[in-house]
PDB file of N, CA and C in Angstrom:
ATOM      1  N   MET A   1       0.850  -1.175   0.000  1.00  0.00           N
ATOM      2  CA  MET A   1       0.000   0.000   0.000  1.00  0.00           C
ATOM      3  C   MET A   1       0.888   1.227   0.000  1.00  0.00           C
ATOM      4  N   LEU A   2       0.519   2.166  -0.786  1.00  0.00           N
ATOM      5  CA  LEU A   2       1.227   3.434  -0.888  1.00  0.00           C
ATOM      6  C   LEU A   2       0.219   4.552  -0.645  1.00  0.00           C
ATOM      7  N   VAL A   3       0.561   5.493   0.231  1.00  0.00           N
ATOM      8  CA  VAL A   3      -0.308   6.636   0.520  1.00  0.00           C
ATOM      9  C   VAL A   3       0.517   7.905   0.386  1.00  0.00           C
ATOM     10  N   ILE A   4       0.010   8.859  -0.365  1.00  0.00           N
ATOM     11  CA  ILE A   4       0.633  10.176  -0.479  1.00  0.00           C
ATOM     12  C   ILE A   4      -0.399  11.216  -0.084  1.00  0.00           C
ATOM     13  N   VAL A   5      -0.008  12.121   0.802  1.00  0.00           N
ATOM     14  CA  VAL A   5      -0.886  13.215   1.227  1.00  0.00           C
ATOM     15  C   VAL A   5      -0.229  14.526   0.828  1.00  0.00           C
ATOM     16  N   LEU A   6      -0.963  15.346   0.097  1.00  0.00           N
ATOM     17  CA  LEU A   6      -0.469  16.649  -0.349  1.00  0.00           C
ATOM     18  C   LEU A   6      -1.304  17.740   0.310  1.00  0.00           C
ATOM     19  N   GLU A   7      -0.630  18.772   0.837  1.00  0.00           N
ATOM     20  CA  GLU A   7      -1.317  19.947   1.383  1.00  0.00           C
ATOM     21  C   GLU A   7      -0.778  21.175   0.673  1.00  0.00           C
ATOM     22  N   ASN A   8      -1.670  22.035   0.278  1.00  0.00           N
ATOM     23  CA  ASN A   8      -1.316  23.276  -0.416  1.00  0.00           C
ATOM     24  C   ASN A   8      -0.460  23.005  -1.660  1.00  0.00           C
ATOM     25  N   ALA A   9      -0.772  21.943  -2.344  1.00  0.00           N
ATOM     26  CA  ALA A   9      -0.022  21.577  -3.547  1.00  0.00           C
ATOM     27  C   ALA A   9      -0.654  22.236  -4.767  1.00  0.00           C
ATOM     28  N   PRO A  10       0.152  22.572  -5.761  1.00  0.00           N
ATOM     29  CA  PRO A  10      -0.385  23.152  -6.988  1.00  0.00           C
ATOM     30  C   PRO A  10      -1.302  22.140  -7.701  1.00  0.00           C
ATOM     31  N   PRO A  11      -2.324  22.631  -8.392  1.00  0.00           N
ATOM     32  CA  PRO A  11      -3.262  21.720  -9.081  1.00  0.00           C
ATOM     33  C   PRO A  11      -2.587  20.771 -10.064  1.00  0.00           C
ATOM     34  N   ARG A  12      -1.517  21.219 -10.726  1.00  0.00           N
ATOM     35  CA  ARG A  12      -0.862  20.324 -11.689  1.00  0.00           C
ATOM     36  C   ARG A  12      -0.223  19.125 -10.999  1.00  0.00           C
ATOM     37  N   LEU A  13       0.288  19.299  -9.775  1.00  0.00           N
ATOM     38  CA  LEU A  13       0.853  18.167  -9.047  1.00  0.00           C
ATOM     39  C   LEU A  13      -0.261  17.228  -8.593  1.00  0.00           C
ATOM     40  N   ARG A  14      -1.368  17.800  -8.125  1.00  0.00           N
ATOM     41  CA  ARG A  14      -2.503  16.964  -7.712  1.00  0.00           C
ATOM     42  C   ARG A  14      -3.022  16.171  -8.896  1.00  0.00           C
ATOM     43  N   GLY A  15      -3.079  16.800 -10.067  1.00  0.00           N
ATOM     44  CA  GLY A  15      -3.520  16.093 -11.262  1.00  0.00           C
ATOM     45  C   GLY A  15      -2.565  14.982 -11.651  1.00  0.00           C
ATOM     46  N   ARG A  16      -1.259  15.238 -11.491  1.00  0.00           N
ATOM     47  CA  ARG A  16      -0.245  14.232 -11.797  1.00  0.00           C
ATOM     48  C   ARG A  16      -0.403  13.019 -10.882  1.00  0.00           C
ATOM     49  N   MET A  17      -0.649  13.273  -9.595  1.00  0.00           N
ATOM     50  CA  MET A  17      -0.823  12.157  -8.663  1.00  0.00           C
ATOM     51  C   MET A  17      -2.107  11.378  -8.974  1.00  0.00           C
ATOM     52  N   ALA A  18      -3.136  12.085  -9.410  1.00  0.00           N
ATOM     53  CA  ALA A  18      -4.415  11.427  -9.718  1.00  0.00           C
ATOM     54  C   ALA A  18      -4.308  10.512 -10.937  1.00  0.00           C
ATOM     55  N   VAL A  19      -3.314  10.748 -11.794  1.00  0.00           N
ATOM     56  CA  VAL A  19      -3.101   9.853 -12.941  1.00  0.00           C
ATOM     57  C   VAL A  19      -2.638   8.478 -12.452  1.00  0.00           C
ATOM     58  N   TRP A  20      -1.807   8.461 -11.415  1.00  0.00           N
ATOM     59  CA  TRP A  20      -1.201   7.219 -10.942  1.00  0.00           C
ATOM     60  C   TRP A  20      -1.937   6.588  -9.768  1.00  0.00           C
ATOM     61  N   LEU A  21      -2.568   7.416  -8.937  1.00  0.00           N
ATOM     62  CA  LEU A  21      -3.147   6.935  -7.686  1.00  0.00           C
ATOM     63  C   LEU A  21      -4.613   7.337  -7.593  1.00  0.00           C
ATOM     64  N   LEU A  22      -5.339   6.677  -6.707  1.00  0.00           N
ATOM     65  CA  LEU A  22      -6.742   7.002  -6.471  1.00  0.00           C
ATOM     66  C   LEU A  22      -6.825   8.082  -5.393  1.00  0.00           C
ATOM     67  N   GLU A  23      -7.489   9.203  -5.696  1.00  0.00           N
ATOM     68  CA  GLU A  23      -7.635  10.283  -4.722  1.00  0.00           C
ATOM     69  C   GLU A  23      -8.884  10.000  -3.902  1.00  0.00           C
ATOM     70  N   VAL A  24      -8.705   9.475  -2.685  1.00  0.00           N
ATOM     71  CA  VAL A  24      -9.837   9.068  -1.846  1.00  0.00           C
ATOM     72  C   VAL A  24     -10.414  10.227  -1.040  1.00  0.00           C
ATOM     73  N   ARG A  25      -9.646  11.242  -0.801  1.00  0.00           N
ATOM     74  CA  ARG A  25     -10.075  12.500  -0.186  1.00  0.00           C
ATOM     75  C   ARG A  25      -9.225  13.588  -0.831  1.00  0.00           C
ATOM     76  N   ALA A  26      -9.597  14.827  -0.620  1.00  0.00           N
ATOM     77  CA  ALA A  26      -8.829  15.925  -1.217  1.00  0.00           C
ATOM     78  C   ALA A  26      -7.380  15.852  -0.754  1.00  0.00           C
ATOM     79  N   GLY A  27      -6.477  15.622  -1.678  1.00  0.00           N
ATOM     80  CA  GLY A  27      -5.059  15.576  -1.380  1.00  0.00           C
ATOM     81  C   GLY A  27      -4.548  14.264  -0.827  1.00  0.00           C
ATOM     82  N   VAL A  28      -5.404  13.242  -0.705  1.00  0.00           N
ATOM     83  CA  VAL A  28      -4.999  11.930  -0.171  1.00  0.00           C
ATOM     84  C   VAL A  28      -5.082  10.904  -1.303  1.00  0.00           C
ATOM     85  N   TYR A  29      -3.931  10.322  -1.646  1.00  0.00           N
ATOM     86  CA  TYR A  29      -3.828   9.404  -2.782  1.00  0.00           C
ATOM     87  C   TYR A  29      -3.356   8.049  -2.295  1.00  0.00           C
ATOM     88  N   VAL A  30      -3.992   6.990  -2.798  1.00  0.00           N
ATOM     89  CA  VAL A  30      -3.598   5.633  -2.406  1.00  0.00           C
ATOM     90  C   VAL A  30      -3.387   4.793  -3.657  1.00  0.00           C
ATOM     91  N   GLY A  31      -2.530   3.793  -3.505  1.00  0.00           N
ATOM     92  CA  GLY A  31      -2.270   2.867  -4.597  1.00  0.00           C
ATOM     93  C   GLY A  31      -1.336   1.767  -4.142  1.00  0.00           C
ATOM     94  N   GLU A  32      -0.984   0.908  -5.059  1.00  0.00           N
ATOM     95  CA  GLU A  32      -0.081  -0.213  -4.787  1.00  0.00           C
ATOM     96  C   GLU A  32       0.909  -0.285  -5.941  1.00  0.00           C
ATOM     97  N   TYR A  33       2.140   0.141  -5.672  1.00  0.00           N
ATOM     98  CA  TYR A  33       3.140   0.176  -6.733  1.00  0.00           C
ATOM     99  C   TYR A  33       4.479  -0.342  -6.234  1.00  0.00           C
ATOM    100  N   SER A  34       5.349  -0.609  -7.167  1.00  0.00           N
ATOM    101  CA  SER A  34       6.700  -1.079  -6.853  1.00  0.00           C
ATOM    102  C   SER A  34       7.539   0.078  -6.303  1.00  0.00           C
ATOM    103  N   ARG A  35       8.698  -0.291  -5.782  1.00  0.00           N
ATOM    104  CA  ARG A  35       9.625   0.714  -5.252  1.00  0.00           C
ATOM    105  C   ARG A  35      10.025   1.711  -6.341  1.00  0.00           C
ATOM    106  N   ARG A  36      10.238   1.224  -7.535  1.00  0.00           N
ATOM    107  CA  ARG A  36      10.653   2.098  -8.636  1.00  0.00           C
ATOM    108  C   ARG A  36       9.589   3.163  -8.929  1.00  0.00           C
ATOM    109  N   VAL A  37       8.332   2.750  -9.015  1.00  0.00           N
ATOM    110  CA  VAL A  37       7.253   3.712  -9.291  1.00  0.00           C
ATOM    111  C   VAL A  37       7.080   4.651  -8.102  1.00  0.00           C
ATOM    112  N   ARG A  38       7.183   4.104  -6.878  1.00  0.00           N
ATOM    113  CA  ARG A  38       7.066   4.947  -5.677  1.00  0.00           C
ATOM    114  C   ARG A  38       8.123   6.047  -5.699  1.00  0.00           C
ATOM    115  N   GLU A  39       9.351   5.702  -6.024  1.00  0.00           N
ATOM    116  CA  GLU A  39      10.421   6.697  -6.069  1.00  0.00           C
ATOM    117  C   GLU A  39      10.196   7.704  -7.190  1.00  0.00           C
ATOM    118  N   MET A  40       9.646   7.265  -8.306  1.00  0.00           N
ATOM    119  CA  MET A  40       9.339   8.185  -9.408  1.00  0.00           C
ATOM    120  C   MET A  40       8.249   9.171  -8.980  1.00  0.00           C
ATOM    121  N   LEU A  41       7.217   8.652  -8.287  1.00  0.00           N
ATOM    122  CA  LEU A  41       6.137   9.531  -7.825  1.00  0.00           C
ATOM    123  C   LEU A  41       6.668  10.557  -6.818  1.00  0.00           C
ATOM    124  N   TRP A  42       7.531  10.116  -5.904  1.00  0.00           N
ATOM    125  CA  TRP A  42       8.070  11.037  -4.903  1.00  0.00           C
ATOM    126  C   TRP A  42       8.964  12.092  -5.557  1.00  0.00           C
ATOM    127  N   SER A  43       9.698  11.721  -6.584  1.00  0.00           N
ATOM    128  CA  SER A  43      10.526  12.715  -7.281  1.00  0.00           C
ATOM    129  C   SER A  43       9.636  13.766  -7.952  1.00  0.00           C
ATOM    130  N   GLN A  44       8.464  13.359  -8.427  1.00  0.00           N
ATOM    131  CA  GLN A  44       7.529  14.332  -8.994  1.00  0.00           C
ATOM    132  C   GLN A  44       6.957  15.245  -7.911  1.00  0.00           C
ATOM    133  N   VAL A  45       6.710  14.678  -6.736  1.00  0.00           N
ATOM    134  CA  VAL A  45       6.241  15.503  -5.610  1.00  0.00           C
ATOM    135  C   VAL A  45       7.318  16.513  -5.240  1.00  0.00           C
ATOM    136  N   GLU A  46       8.560  16.064  -5.136  1.00  0.00           N
ATOM    137  CA  GLU A  46       9.668  16.965  -4.782  1.00  0.00           C
ATOM    138  C   GLU A  46       9.808  18.096  -5.799  1.00  0.00           C
ATOM    139  N   ALA A  47       9.636  17.764  -7.063  1.00  0.00           N
ATOM    140  CA  ALA A  47       9.808  18.773  -8.113  1.00  0.00           C
ATOM    141  C   ALA A  47       8.651  19.761  -8.171  1.00  0.00           C
ATOM    142  N   GLY A  48       7.438  19.343  -7.755  1.00  0.00           N
ATOM    143  CA  GLY A  48       6.271  20.191  -7.965  1.00  0.00           C
ATOM    144  C   GLY A  48       5.571  20.713  -6.734  1.00  0.00           C
ATOM    145  N   ILE A  49       6.072  20.442  -5.521  1.00  0.00           N
ATOM    146  CA  ILE A  49       5.313  20.796  -4.313  1.00  0.00           C
ATOM    147  C   ILE A  49       5.305  22.302  -4.056  1.00  0.00           C
ATOM    148  N   GLU A  50       6.299  23.039  -4.513  1.00  0.00           N
ATOM    149  CA  GLU A  50       6.418  24.488  -4.287  1.00  0.00           C
ATOM    150  C   GLU A  50       6.317  24.818  -2.802  1.00  0.00           C
ATOM    151  N   ASP A  51       5.316  25.616  -2.359  1.00  0.00           N
ATOM    152  CA  ASP A  51       5.216  26.017  -0.951  1.00  0.00           C
ATOM    153  C   ASP A  51       4.389  25.053  -0.105  1.00  0.00           C
ATOM    154  N   GLY A  52       3.900  23.997  -0.692  1.00  0.00           N
ATOM    155  CA  GLY A  52       3.079  23.040   0.042  1.00  0.00           C
ATOM    156  C   GLY A  52       3.921  22.060   0.840  1.00  0.00           C
ATOM    157  N   ASN A  53       3.255  21.051   1.360  1.00  0.00           N
ATOM    158  CA  ASN A  53       3.973  19.992   2.069  1.00  0.00           C
ATOM    159  C   ASN A  53       3.356  18.661   1.722  1.00  0.00           C
ATOM    160  N   ALA A  54       4.127  17.608   1.935  1.00  0.00           N
ATOM    161  CA  ALA A  54       3.685  16.275   1.525  1.00  0.00           C
ATOM    162  C   ALA A  54       4.257  15.222   2.450  1.00  0.00           C
ATOM    163  N   VAL A  55       3.568  14.103   2.516  1.00  0.00           N
ATOM    164  CA  VAL A  55       4.069  12.926   3.202  1.00  0.00           C
ATOM    165  C   VAL A  55       3.723  11.723   2.339  1.00  0.00           C
ATOM    166  N   MET A  56       4.641  10.781   2.290  1.00  0.00           N
ATOM    167  CA  MET A  56       4.393   9.528   1.578  1.00  0.00           C
ATOM    168  C   MET A  56       4.695   8.385   2.543  1.00  0.00           C
ATOM    169  N   ALA A  57       3.763   7.442   2.666  1.00  0.00           N
ATOM    170  CA  ALA A  57       3.935   6.271   3.527  1.00  0.00           C
ATOM    171  C   ALA A  57       3.688   5.019   2.702  1.00  0.00           C
ATOM    172  N   TRP A  58       4.429   3.960   3.011  1.00  0.00           N
ATOM    173  CA  TRP A  58       4.275   2.701   2.296  1.00  0.00           C
ATOM    174  C   TRP A  58       4.592   1.553   3.248  1.00  0.00           C
ATOM    175  N   ASN A  59       4.029   0.393   2.910  1.00  0.00           N
ATOM    176  CA  ASN A  59       4.299  -0.764   3.756  1.00  0.00           C
ATOM    177  C   ASN A  59       5.664  -1.352   3.408  1.00  0.00           C
ATOM    178  N   THR A  60       6.349  -1.811   4.428  1.00  0.00           N
ATOM    179  CA  THR A  60       7.658  -2.418   4.262  1.00  0.00           C
ATOM    180  C   THR A  60       7.886  -3.355   5.434  1.00  0.00           C
ATOM    181  N   ASN A  61       8.950  -4.119   5.407  1.00  0.00           N
ATOM    182  CA  ASN A  61       9.171  -5.105   6.473  1.00  0.00           C
ATOM    183  C   ASN A  61      10.049  -4.538   7.586  1.00  0.00           C
ATOM    184  N   THR A  62       9.676  -3.403   8.136  1.00  0.00           N
ATOM    185  CA  THR A  62      10.339  -2.843   9.316  1.00  0.00           C
ATOM    186  C   THR A  62       9.564  -3.271  10.549  1.00  0.00           C
ATOM    187  N   GLU A  63      10.060  -2.885  11.711  1.00  0.00           N
ATOM    188  CA  GLU A  63       9.384  -3.225  12.967  1.00  0.00           C
ATOM    189  C   GLU A  63       7.940  -2.720  12.994  1.00  0.00           C
ATOM    190  N   SER A  64       7.734  -1.513  12.503  1.00  0.00           N
ATOM    191  CA  SER A  64       6.385  -0.935  12.504  1.00  0.00           C
ATOM    192  C   SER A  64       5.549  -1.398  11.306  1.00  0.00           C
ATOM    193  N   GLY A  65       6.179  -1.950  10.294  1.00  0.00           N
ATOM    194  CA  GLY A  65       5.443  -2.421   9.118  1.00  0.00           C
ATOM    195  C   GLY A  65       5.269  -1.374   8.035  1.00  0.00           C
ATOM    196  N   PHE A  66       5.791  -0.180   8.267  1.00  0.00           N
ATOM    197  CA  PHE A  66       5.686   0.872   7.258  1.00  0.00           C
ATOM    198  C   PHE A  66       6.881   1.817   7.406  1.00  0.00           C
ATOM    199  N   ASP A  67       7.026   2.654   6.425  1.00  0.00           N
ATOM    200  CA  ASP A  67       8.027   3.712   6.463  1.00  0.00           C
ATOM    201  C   ASP A  67       7.402   4.943   5.813  1.00  0.00           C
ATOM    202  N   PHE A  68       7.975   6.100   6.041  1.00  0.00           N
ATOM    203  CA  PHE A  68       7.427   7.307   5.448  1.00  0.00           C
ATOM    204  C   PHE A  68       8.510   8.358   5.269  1.00  0.00           C
ATOM    205  N   VAL A  69       8.244   9.299   4.378  1.00  0.00           N
ATOM    206  CA  VAL A  69       9.094  10.461   4.163  1.00  0.00           C
ATOM    207  C   VAL A  69       8.192  11.686   4.135  1.00  0.00           C
ATOM    208  N   THR A  70       8.751  12.826   4.477  1.00  0.00           N
ATOM    209  CA  THR A  70       7.983  14.062   4.454  1.00  0.00           C
ATOM    210  C   THR A  70       8.744  15.110   3.656  1.00  0.00           C
ATOM    211  N   LEU A  71       8.018  16.130   3.267  1.00  0.00           N
ATOM    212  CA  LEU A  71       8.604  17.219   2.487  1.00  0.00           C
ATOM    213  C   LEU A  71       7.845  18.499   2.809  1.00  0.00           C
ATOM    214  N   GLY A  72       8.554  19.597   2.988  1.00  0.00           N
ATOM    215  CA  GLY A  72       7.907  20.871   3.273  1.00  0.00           C
ATOM    216  C   GLY A  72       7.720  21.081   4.760  1.00  0.00           C
ATOM    217  N   SER A  73       7.309  22.282   5.122  1.00  0.00           N
ATOM    218  CA  SER A  73       7.161  22.606   6.537  1.00  0.00           C
ATOM    219  C   SER A  73       5.785  22.193   7.039  1.00  0.00           C
ATOM    220  N   ASN A  74       5.787  21.648   8.266  1.00  0.00           N
ATOM    221  CA  ASN A  74       4.564  21.179   8.902  1.00  0.00           C
ATOM    222  C   ASN A  74       4.834  21.115  10.392  1.00  0.00           C
ATOM    223  N   ARG A  75       3.783  21.169  11.222  1.00  0.00           N
ATOM    224  CA  ARG A  75       3.963  21.053  12.674  1.00  0.00           C
ATOM    225  C   ARG A  75       4.450  19.669  13.066  1.00  0.00           C
ATOM    226  N   ARG A  76       4.175  18.693  12.256  1.00  0.00           N
ATOM    227  CA  ARG A  76       4.586  17.313  12.564  1.00  0.00           C
ATOM    228  C   ARG A  76       5.970  17.070  11.970  1.00  0.00           C
ATOM    229  N   ILE A  77       6.929  16.782  12.845  1.00  0.00           N
ATOM    230  CA  ILE A  77       8.308  16.580  12.437  1.00  0.00           C
ATOM    231  C   ILE A  77       8.695  15.122  12.703  1.00  0.00           C
ATOM    232  N   PRO A  78       9.124  14.398  11.669  1.00  0.00           N
ATOM    233  CA  PRO A  78       9.548  13.013  11.922  1.00  0.00           C
ATOM    234  C   PRO A  78      10.855  12.975  12.687  1.00  0.00           C
ATOM    235  N   LEU A  79      10.980  12.007  13.594  1.00  0.00           N
ATOM    236  CA  LEU A  79      12.230  11.780  14.302  1.00  0.00           C
ATOM    237  C   LEU A  79      12.380  10.281  14.516  1.00  0.00           C
ATOM    238  N   GLU A  80      13.609   9.852  14.695  1.00  0.00           N
ATOM    239  CA  GLU A  80      13.880   8.434  14.852  1.00  0.00           C
ATOM    240  C   GLU A  80      14.439   8.175  16.241  1.00  0.00           C
ATOM    241  N   LYS A  81      13.827   7.242  16.971  1.00  0.00           N
ATOM    242  CA  LYS A  81      14.268   6.857  18.318  1.00  0.00           C
ATOM    243  C   LYS A  81      14.455   5.355  18.332  1.00  0.00           C
ATOM    244  N   ASP A  82      15.653   4.921  18.660  1.00  0.00           N
ATOM    245  CA  ASP A  82      15.970   3.496  18.740  1.00  0.00           C
ATOM    246  C   ASP A  82      15.550   2.744  17.486  1.00  0.00           C
ATOM    247  N   GLY A  83      15.743   3.364  16.340  1.00  0.00           N
ATOM    248  CA  GLY A  83      15.432   2.705  15.077  1.00  0.00           C
ATOM    249  C   GLY A  83      13.975   2.743  14.677  1.00  0.00           C
ATOM    250  N   ILE A  84      13.135   3.399  15.463  1.00  0.00           N
ATOM    251  CA  ILE A  84      11.709   3.492  15.155  1.00  0.00           C
ATOM    252  C   ILE A  84      11.387   4.933  14.791  1.00  0.00           C
ATOM    253  N   LYS A  85      10.716   5.128  13.697  1.00  0.00           N
ATOM    254  CA  LYS A  85      10.305   6.474  13.290  1.00  0.00           C
ATOM    255  C   LYS A  85       9.079   6.902  14.072  1.00  0.00           C
ATOM    256  N   LEU A  86       9.151   8.070  14.646  1.00  0.00           N
ATOM    257  CA  LEU A  86       8.041   8.666  15.384  1.00  0.00           C
ATOM    258  C   LEU A  86       7.757  10.038  14.800  1.00  0.00           C
ATOM    259  N   VAL A  87       6.710  10.679  15.300  1.00  0.00           N
ATOM    260  CA  VAL A  87       6.359  12.016  14.839  1.00  0.00           C
ATOM    261  C   VAL A  87       6.271  12.921  16.049  1.00  0.00           C
ATOM    262  N   SER A  88       6.967  14.044  16.008  1.00  0.00           N
ATOM    263  CA  SER A  88       6.948  15.037  17.063  1.00  0.00           C
ATOM    264  C   SER A  88       6.125  16.233  16.590  1.00  0.00           C
ATOM    265  N   PHE A  89       5.397  16.829  17.516  1.00  0.00           N
ATOM    266  CA  PHE A  89       4.598  18.001  17.182  1.00  0.00           C
ATOM    267  C   PHE A  89       5.292  19.256  17.670  1.00  0.00           C
ATOM    268  N   LEU A  90       5.413  20.224  16.808  1.00  0.00           N
ATOM    269  CA  LEU A  90       5.919  21.522  17.233  1.00  0.00           C
ATOM    270  C   LEU A  90       4.806  22.242  17.990  1.00  0.00           C
ATOM    271  N   PRO A  91       5.146  22.961  19.053  1.00  0.00           N
ATOM    272  CA  PRO A  91       4.106  23.700  19.776  1.00  0.00           C
ATOM    273  C   PRO A  91       3.546  24.823  18.906  1.00  0.00           C
ATOM    274  N   THR A  92       2.272  25.124  19.154  1.00  0.00           N
ATOM    275  CA  THR A  92       1.697  26.259  18.450  1.00  0.00           C
ATOM    276  C   THR A  92       2.294  27.525  19.026  1.00  0.00           C
ATOM    277  N   GLU A  93       2.271  28.572  18.269  1.00  0.00           N
ATOM    278  CA  GLU A  93       2.813  29.832  18.734  1.00  0.00           C
ATOM    279  C   GLU A  93       1.959  30.337  19.886  1.00  0.00           C
ATOM    280  N   ALA A  94       2.594  30.653  21.020  1.00  0.00           N
ATOM    281  CA  ALA A  94       1.873  31.117  22.197  1.00  0.00           C
ATOM    282  C   ALA A  94       1.257  32.481  21.922  1.00  0.00           C
ATOM    283  N   PRO A  95       0.019  32.695  22.408  1.00  0.00           N
ATOM    284  CA  PRO A  95      -0.591  34.010  22.190  1.00  0.00           C
ATOM    285  C   PRO A  95       0.178  35.088  22.944  1.00  0.00           C
ATOM    286  N   LYS A  96       0.285  36.241  22.324  1.00  0.00           N
ATOM    287  CA  LYS A  96       0.985  37.355  22.946  1.00  0.00           C
ATOM    288  C   LYS A  96       0.108  37.949  24.041  1.00  0.00           C
ATOM    289  N   PRO A  97       0.725  38.363  25.152  1.00  0.00           N
ATOM    290  CA  PRO A  97      -0.066  38.982  26.221  1.00  0.00           C
ATOM    291  C   PRO A  97      -0.711  40.266  25.723  1.00  0.00           C
ATOM    292  N   ASP A  98      -1.865  40.532  26.293  1.00  0.00           N
ATOM    293  CA  ASP A  98      -2.605  41.722  25.908  1.00  0.00           C
ATOM    294  C   ASP A  98      -1.781  42.961  26.227  1.00  0.00           C
ATOM    295  N   GLN A  99      -1.727  43.899  25.277  1.00  0.00           N
ATOM    296  CA  GLN A  99      -0.938  45.117  25.446  1.00  0.00           C
ATOM    297  C   GLN A  99      -1.438  45.954  26.618  1.00  0.00           C
ATOM    298  N   GLY A 100      -2.752  45.968  26.874  1.00  0.00           N
ATOM    299  CA  GLY A 100      -3.318  46.793  27.942  1.00  0.00           C
ATOM    300  C   GLY A 100      -3.262  46.127  29.305  1.00  0.00           C
ATOM    301  N   GLU A 101      -2.901  44.859  29.330  1.00  0.00           N
ATOM    302  CA  GLU A 101      -2.870  44.124  30.584  1.00  0.00           C
ATOM    303  C   GLU A 101      -1.645  44.527  31.401  1.00  0.00           C
ATOM    304  N   LYS A 102      -1.850  44.797  32.700  1.00  0.00           N
ATOM    305  CA  LYS A 102      -0.745  45.165  33.573  1.00  0.00           C
ATOM    306  C   LYS A 102      -0.424  43.998  34.481  1.00  0.00           C
ATOM    307  N   SER A 103       0.844  43.866  34.791  1.00  0.00           N
ATOM    308  CA  SER A 103       1.233  42.771  35.674  1.00  0.00           C
ATOM    309  C   SER A 103       0.771  43.064  37.094  1.00  0.00           C
ATOM    310  N   ALA A 104       0.471  42.010  37.863  1.00  0.00           N
ATOM    311  CA  ALA A 104      -0.007  42.148  39.241  1.00  0.00           C
ATOM    312  C   ALA A 104       1.176  42.102  40.188  1.00  0.00           C
ATOM    313  N   LEU A 105       1.833  43.207  40.399  1.00  0.00           N
ATOM    314  CA  LEU A 105       2.942  43.289  41.357  1.00  0.00           C
ATOM    315  C   LEU A 105       2.546  44.098  42.533  1.00  0.00           C
TER     316      LEU A 105
END
């Protein structure tokens, strides 16, 4: 199984992915292809993503049963711990204190 998720991708890239994969939701593409085709599809994502972001996941014989790659900026950052890929979340930007608010001293 191969899954590619595109966010803020140009329409031409989304159309390119729809030629090869089934778009089950907006920007979510699934299919079953060989490693060679998977790498070709990812190279097209890399070439056409522009300011968007993407993730591609596929089944493989690792401990977790899958592997994934990401591209572009996103709050979810992949990291590897003890040979297992995990996902870390960046904190949201903290709201700035109100300008009119005075400290209680």
